[in-house]
Amino acid sequence: MLSEAAEFKALAVSRLAAQHAEIEQLRETAAANARVKLCRTSDSFVMLCFGSVAVL
């Protein structure tokens, strides 16, 4: 049981780290490209907006 909990925790931390890295990469892309910006919606989702097209 304890090893299953440790394995679950390690997997969860790994997934969070991967998500964080992806978010950082998207932020860098947005900052580097003036045509791309981060848009906040009313329900707090963050999207990449390319001109008038938003990508989820």
C-alpha atoms as a PDB file:
ATOM      1  CA  MET A   1       0.000   0.000   0.000  1.00  0.00           C
ATOM      2  CA  LEU A   2       2.775   2.436   0.911  1.00  0.00           C
ATOM      3  CA  SER A   3       4.677   1.775  -2.309  1.00  0.00           C
ATOM      4  CA  GLU A   4       1.480   2.383  -4.317  1.00  0.00           C
ATOM      5  CA  ALA A   5       1.029   5.743  -2.577  1.00  0.00           C
ATOM      6  CA  ALA A   6       4.648   6.689  -3.240  1.00  0.00           C
ATOM      7  CA  GLU A   7       4.320   5.655  -6.876  1.00  0.00           C
ATOM      8  CA  PHE A   8       1.118   7.690  -7.225  1.00  0.00           C
ATOM      9  CA  LYS A   9       2.788  10.735  -5.655  1.00  0.00           C
ATOM     10  CA  ALA A  10       5.839  10.426  -7.921  1.00  0.00           C
ATOM     11  CA  LEU A  11       3.606  10.192 -10.993  1.00  0.00           C
ATOM     12  CA  ALA A  12       1.528  13.188  -9.893  1.00  0.00           C
ATOM     13  CA  VAL A  13       4.619  15.325  -9.262  1.00  0.00           C
ATOM     14  CA  SER A  14       6.060  14.270 -12.613  1.00  0.00           C
ATOM     15  CA  ARG A  15       2.866  15.262 -14.429  1.00  0.00           C
ATOM     16  CA  LEU A  16       2.734  18.626 -12.637  1.00  0.00           C
ATOM     17  CA  ALA A  17       6.346  19.299 -13.607  1.00  0.00           C
ATOM     18  CA  ALA A  18       5.586  18.481 -17.250  1.00  0.00           C
ATOM     19  CA  GLN A  19       2.540  20.762 -17.223  1.00  0.00           C
ATOM     20  CA  HIS A  20       4.595  23.549 -15.663  1.00  0.00           C
ATOM     21  CA  ALA A  21       7.285  23.165 -18.323  1.00  0.00           C
ATOM     22  CA  GLU A  22       4.644  23.304 -21.066  1.00  0.00           C
ATOM     23  CA  ILE A  23       3.102  26.460 -19.584  1.00  0.00           C
ATOM     24  CA  GLU A  24       6.519  28.108 -19.354  1.00  0.00           C
ATOM     25  CA  GLN A  25       7.238  27.207 -22.988  1.00  0.00           C
ATOM     26  CA  LEU A  26       3.892  28.657 -24.081  1.00  0.00           C
ATOM     27  CA  ARG A  27       4.596  31.860 -22.143  1.00  0.00           C
ATOM     28  CA  GLU A  28       8.004  32.171 -23.800  1.00  0.00           C
ATOM     29  CA  THR A  29       6.425  31.653 -27.224  1.00  0.00           C
ATOM     30  CA  ALA A  30       3.800  34.270 -26.459  1.00  0.00           C
ATOM     31  CA  ALA A  31       6.411  36.767 -25.321  1.00  0.00           C
ATOM     32  CA  ALA A  32       8.667  36.124 -28.328  1.00  0.00           C
ATOM     33  CA  ASN A  33       5.947  36.485 -30.949  1.00  0.00           C
ATOM     34  CA  ALA A  34       4.072  39.795 -30.943  1.00  0.00           C
ATOM     35  CA  ARG A  35       1.177  38.209 -32.872  1.00  0.00           C
ATOM     36  CA  VAL A  36       0.599  35.727 -30.046  1.00  0.00           C
ATOM     37  CA  LYS A  37      -0.722  36.806 -26.663  1.00  0.00           C
ATOM     38  CA  LEU A  38      -2.252  35.174 -23.618  1.00  0.00           C
ATOM     39  CA  CYS A  39      -5.983  35.802 -23.261  1.00  0.00           C
ATOM     40  CA  ARG A  40      -8.012  35.290 -20.111  1.00  0.00           C
ATOM     41  CA  THR A  41     -11.625  34.272 -20.444  1.00  0.00           C
ATOM     42  CA  SER A  42     -14.370  34.995 -17.954  1.00  0.00           C
ATOM     43  CA  ASP A  43     -14.089  31.484 -16.528  1.00  0.00           C
ATOM     44  CA  SER A  44     -10.324  31.850 -15.906  1.00  0.00           C
ATOM     45  CA  PHE A  45      -9.133  29.631 -18.744  1.00  0.00           C
ATOM     46  CA  VAL A  46      -5.953  30.879 -20.383  1.00  0.00           C
ATOM     47  CA  MET A  47      -5.801  30.636 -24.162  1.00  0.00           C
ATOM     48  CA  LEU A  48      -3.275  31.507 -26.813  1.00  0.00           C
ATOM     49  CA  CYS A  49      -4.814  34.042 -29.177  1.00  0.00           C
ATOM     50  CA  PHE A  50      -3.534  34.361 -32.726  1.00  0.00           C
ATOM     51  CA  GLY A  51      -5.055  37.514 -34.117  1.00  0.00           C
ATOM     52  CA  SER A  52      -8.778  36.825 -33.863  1.00  0.00           C
ATOM     53  CA  VAL A  53      -8.437  33.037 -33.449  1.00  0.00           C
ATOM     54  CA  ALA A  54      -8.132  31.580 -29.965  1.00  0.00           C
ATOM     55  CA  VAL A  55      -6.560  28.176 -29.465  1.00  0.00           C
ATOM     56  CA  LEU A  56      -7.413  26.116 -26.354  1.00  0.00           C
END
